Amino acid sequence: MTLRVMNLFSIAAVLMLAACVTINVYFPEAAAERAADRFIQDVLGDDPRSAPEAPSDPPATGFRWSDLLIASAHAQAPNINIDTPQIQSIKQRMAERHRQHLADWLDAGAIGLDNDGLIAIRDRGAVALAERRNLERVVGEENSDRRAVYREIAVANGHPEWEEEIRETFARQWIANARSGWHYQQSDGSWTQK
């Protein structure tokens, strides 16, 4: 009978330990930032003025006593795939649009990078009257492609629920990769110049 109680106790202990295993599936922010930087640098081209700021170090993780008592299984952080045909097609359109229009308008201050990962018209007066309708059309096309690429990246990586995090990451990285003199929108909605 004592052996039977010990076996039951051992089984219960194993089951309790197994119940303590947690699997953390999380948005891979560092991988998303690297993917966003690569995508943005491809769109902006080789202009040395658009070099990104140095990334900050990731926060240090401290020792936790609970790690000794509770086993944690961490899902492997995936790489963010930005190389699907759909994403490449959008990137090509964005790069062409940047070369043809957006770079000049960003330099002139007519448009800026908003805090939502899109482009916003800041100063229509910085563009000739005859060019303003084209400005609105091109900004609309750019924003449509930006929304589409954030959605496509999330779907291509098997996590459509990450679309918002992808967009937020790109919003930060567009600003980090912006040229000196470009305007960007702060979290409070005010504009500042890089």
Protein backbone atom coordinates (compact mmCIF):
# COMPACT_ATOMS: atom_id res chain seq x y z
CA MET A 1 0.00 0.00 0.00
CA THR A 2 2.87 2.37 0.73
CA LEU A 3 4.29 1.76 -2.74
CA ARG A 4 0.93 2.51 -4.30
CA VAL A 5 0.64 5.80 -2.39
CA MET A 6 4.17 6.75 -3.47
CA ASN A 7 3.31 6.00 -7.11
CA LEU A 8 0.17 8.13 -6.89
CA PHE A 9 2.15 10.89 -5.23
CA SER A 10 4.81 10.71 -7.98
CA ILE A 11 2.18 10.87 -10.72
CA ALA A 12 0.50 13.83 -9.01
CA ALA A 13 3.84 15.63 -8.69
CA VAL A 14 4.63 15.10 -12.39
CA LEU A 15 1.17 16.35 -13.37
CA MET A 16 1.58 19.45 -11.17
CA LEU A 17 4.95 20.25 -12.74
CA ALA A 18 3.54 19.76 -16.23
CA ALA A 19 0.69 22.12 -15.39
CA CYS A 20 3.25 24.78 -14.44
CA VAL A 21 4.82 24.80 -17.90
CA THR A 22 3.79 27.94 -19.73
CA ILE A 23 4.21 28.67 -23.39
CA ASN A 24 4.76 32.32 -24.19
CA VAL A 25 3.73 33.27 -27.72
CA TYR A 26 4.53 36.92 -28.14
CA PHE A 27 5.03 39.49 -30.84
CA PRO A 28 8.72 39.36 -31.84
CA GLU A 29 9.42 43.10 -31.59
CA ALA A 30 13.16 42.95 -32.26
CA ALA A 31 12.66 40.80 -35.37
CA ALA A 32 9.89 43.14 -36.54
CA GLU A 33 12.15 46.18 -36.10
CA ARG A 34 14.91 44.53 -38.16
CA ALA A 35 12.42 43.59 -40.89
CA ALA A 36 10.92 47.10 -40.88
CA ASP A 37 14.37 48.69 -41.15
CA ARG A 38 15.29 46.45 -44.08
CA PHE A 39 11.99 47.16 -45.86
CA ILE A 40 12.18 50.92 -45.24
CA GLN A 41 15.80 51.18 -46.34
CA ASP A 42 14.87 49.37 -49.56
CA VAL A 43 12.07 51.88 -50.15
CA LEU A 44 14.18 54.94 -49.33
CA GLY A 45 17.13 53.79 -51.42
CA ASP A 46 20.84 54.29 -50.84
CA ASP A 47 20.77 57.94 -49.80
CA PRO A 48 23.19 58.20 -46.85
CA ARG A 49 20.99 60.90 -45.34
CA SER A 50 18.37 58.25 -44.61
CA ALA A 51 20.62 56.05 -42.46
CA PRO A 52 18.81 54.86 -39.32
CA GLU A 53 19.71 55.82 -35.81
CA ALA A 54 21.53 53.18 -33.80
CA PRO A 55 19.04 50.78 -32.21
CA SER A 56 18.78 50.78 -28.45
CA ASP A 57 19.90 47.74 -26.48
CA PRO A 58 17.14 45.32 -25.49
CA PRO A 59 16.14 45.45 -21.83
CA ALA A 60 18.11 43.15 -19.55
CA THR A 61 16.23 40.22 -18.11
CA GLY A 62 16.87 39.52 -14.47
CA PHE A 63 17.03 36.29 -12.56
CA ARG A 64 13.74 35.09 -11.10
CA TRP A 65 13.53 32.47 -8.36
CA SER A 66 10.29 31.28 -9.90
CA ASP A 67 12.34 30.09 -12.90
CA LEU A 68 13.81 27.40 -10.66
CA LEU A 69 10.39 26.23 -9.51
CA ILE A 70 8.29 26.62 -12.63
CA ALA A 71 9.50 25.44 -16.00
CA SER A 72 8.81 27.90 -18.80
CA ALA A 73 8.78 26.88 -22.43
CA HIS A 74 9.31 29.84 -24.73
CA ALA A 75 8.19 29.63 -28.31
CA GLN A 76 11.05 30.28 -30.69
CA ALA A 77 10.92 33.89 -31.85
CA PRO A 78 10.23 33.75 -35.57
CA ASN A 79 11.92 35.84 -38.17
CA ILE A 80 9.55 38.28 -39.80
CA ASN A 81 9.10 37.34 -43.44
CA ILE A 82 8.93 40.37 -45.76
CA ASP A 83 9.88 38.52 -48.93
CA THR A 84 6.56 37.30 -50.32
CA PRO A 85 5.63 38.28 -53.89
CA GLN A 86 2.77 40.47 -52.59
CA ILE A 87 5.03 42.35 -50.17
CA GLN A 88 7.75 42.75 -52.81
CA SER A 89 5.22 44.17 -55.27
CA ILE A 90 4.01 46.73 -52.73
CA LYS A 91 7.60 47.61 -51.83
CA GLN A 92 8.46 48.22 -55.48
CA ARG A 93 5.51 50.61 -55.90
CA MET A 94 6.45 52.44 -52.71
CA ALA A 95 10.11 52.79 -53.74
CA GLU A 96 9.13 54.17 -57.15
CA ARG A 97 6.65 56.58 -55.58
CA HIS A 98 9.31 57.70 -53.10
CA ARG A 99 11.80 58.43 -55.90
CA GLN A 100 9.26 60.19 -58.12
CA HIS A 101 7.42 62.31 -55.55
CA LEU A 102 7.63 61.63 -51.84
CA ALA A 103 11.33 62.38 -51.24
CA ASP A 104 10.98 65.88 -52.69
CA TRP A 105 7.75 66.56 -50.82
CA LEU A 106 9.26 65.29 -47.56
CA ASP A 107 12.32 67.50 -48.12
CA ALA A 108 10.04 70.51 -48.80
CA GLY A 109 7.92 69.85 -45.69
CA ALA A 110 4.72 69.44 -47.71
CA ILE A 111 4.21 66.00 -46.20
CA GLY A 112 5.41 64.27 -43.07
CA LEU A 113 5.48 60.90 -41.38
CA ASP A 114 2.48 60.61 -39.10
CA ASN A 115 2.49 58.71 -35.82
CA ASP A 116 0.32 55.95 -37.30
CA GLY A 117 2.80 54.62 -39.89
CA LEU A 118 1.31 56.66 -42.74
CA ILE A 119 2.11 59.84 -44.66
CA ALA A 120 0.18 63.04 -43.94
CA ILE A 121 -0.11 66.27 -45.88
CA ARG A 122 1.31 69.01 -43.65
CA ASP A 123 1.59 72.07 -45.87
CA ARG A 124 -0.19 72.18 -49.23
CA GLY A 125 1.39 75.60 -49.79
CA ALA A 126 4.81 73.95 -50.15
CA VAL A 127 3.58 72.47 -53.45
CA ALA A 128 2.59 74.46 -56.54
CA LEU A 129 -1.16 74.92 -56.95
CA ALA A 130 -1.22 72.83 -60.13
CA GLU A 131 0.49 69.94 -58.26
CA ARG A 132 -1.83 69.79 -55.20
CA ARG A 133 -4.36 67.36 -56.67
CA ASN A 134 -1.46 65.06 -57.58
CA LEU A 135 -0.11 65.43 -54.03
CA GLU A 136 -3.42 64.23 -52.59
CA ARG A 137 -3.63 61.32 -55.05
CA VAL A 138 -0.06 60.15 -54.43
CA VAL A 139 -0.39 60.42 -50.63
CA GLY A 140 -3.63 58.40 -50.84
CA GLU A 141 -1.92 55.70 -52.91
CA GLU A 142 1.04 55.60 -50.53
CA ASN A 143 -1.19 55.23 -47.48
CA SER A 144 -3.20 52.50 -49.17
CA ASP A 145 0.03 50.58 -49.88
CA ARG A 146 1.31 51.12 -46.35
CA ARG A 147 -1.90 49.72 -44.85
CA ALA A 148 -1.75 46.79 -47.27
CA VAL A 149 1.88 45.97 -46.49
CA TYR A 150 1.29 45.96 -42.71
CA ARG A 151 -1.62 43.55 -43.23
CA GLU A 152 0.37 41.39 -45.72
CA ILE A 153 3.35 41.09 -43.37
CA ALA A 154 1.11 39.95 -40.52
CA VAL A 155 -0.68 37.41 -42.74
CA ALA A 156 2.56 36.20 -44.38
CA ASN A 157 3.91 35.40 -40.92
CA GLY A 158 0.84 33.40 -39.91
CA HIS A 159 -0.35 35.97 -37.36
CA PRO A 160 -3.00 38.31 -38.79
CA GLU A 161 -3.58 39.49 -35.22
CA TRP A 162 -0.11 41.12 -35.33
CA GLU A 163 -1.19 43.73 -37.90
CA GLU A 164 -1.50 46.50 -35.29
CA GLU A 165 1.91 45.69 -33.77
CA ILE A 166 3.49 45.58 -37.25
CA ARG A 167 2.00 49.00 -38.02
CA GLU A 168 3.22 50.47 -34.71
CA THR A 169 6.71 49.05 -35.28
CA PHE A 170 6.83 50.45 -38.80
CA ALA A 171 5.59 53.84 -37.57
CA ARG A 172 8.57 54.07 -35.21
CA GLN A 173 11.03 52.78 -37.80
CA TRP A 174 9.87 55.16 -40.57
CA ILE A 175 10.78 58.00 -38.20
CA ALA A 176 14.06 56.37 -37.13
CA ASN A 177 15.04 56.01 -40.81
CA ALA A 178 13.89 59.50 -41.82
CA ARG A 179 16.32 62.01 -43.28
CA SER A 180 17.36 65.04 -41.33
CA GLY A 181 14.88 67.86 -42.00
CA TRP A 182 11.84 65.61 -42.57
CA HIS A 183 8.81 66.30 -40.40
CA TYR A 184 7.22 63.65 -38.24
CA GLN A 185 4.27 63.59 -35.90
CA GLN A 186 4.77 62.99 -32.21
CA SER A 187 2.40 60.89 -30.11
CA ASP A 188 0.48 64.03 -29.04
CA GLY A 189 -0.19 64.90 -32.70
CA SER A 190 2.25 67.82 -32.90
CA TRP A 191 4.80 68.01 -35.71
CA THR A 192 8.53 68.25 -35.28
CA GLN A 193 11.48 68.19 -37.64
CA LYS A 194 14.16 65.56 -37.46
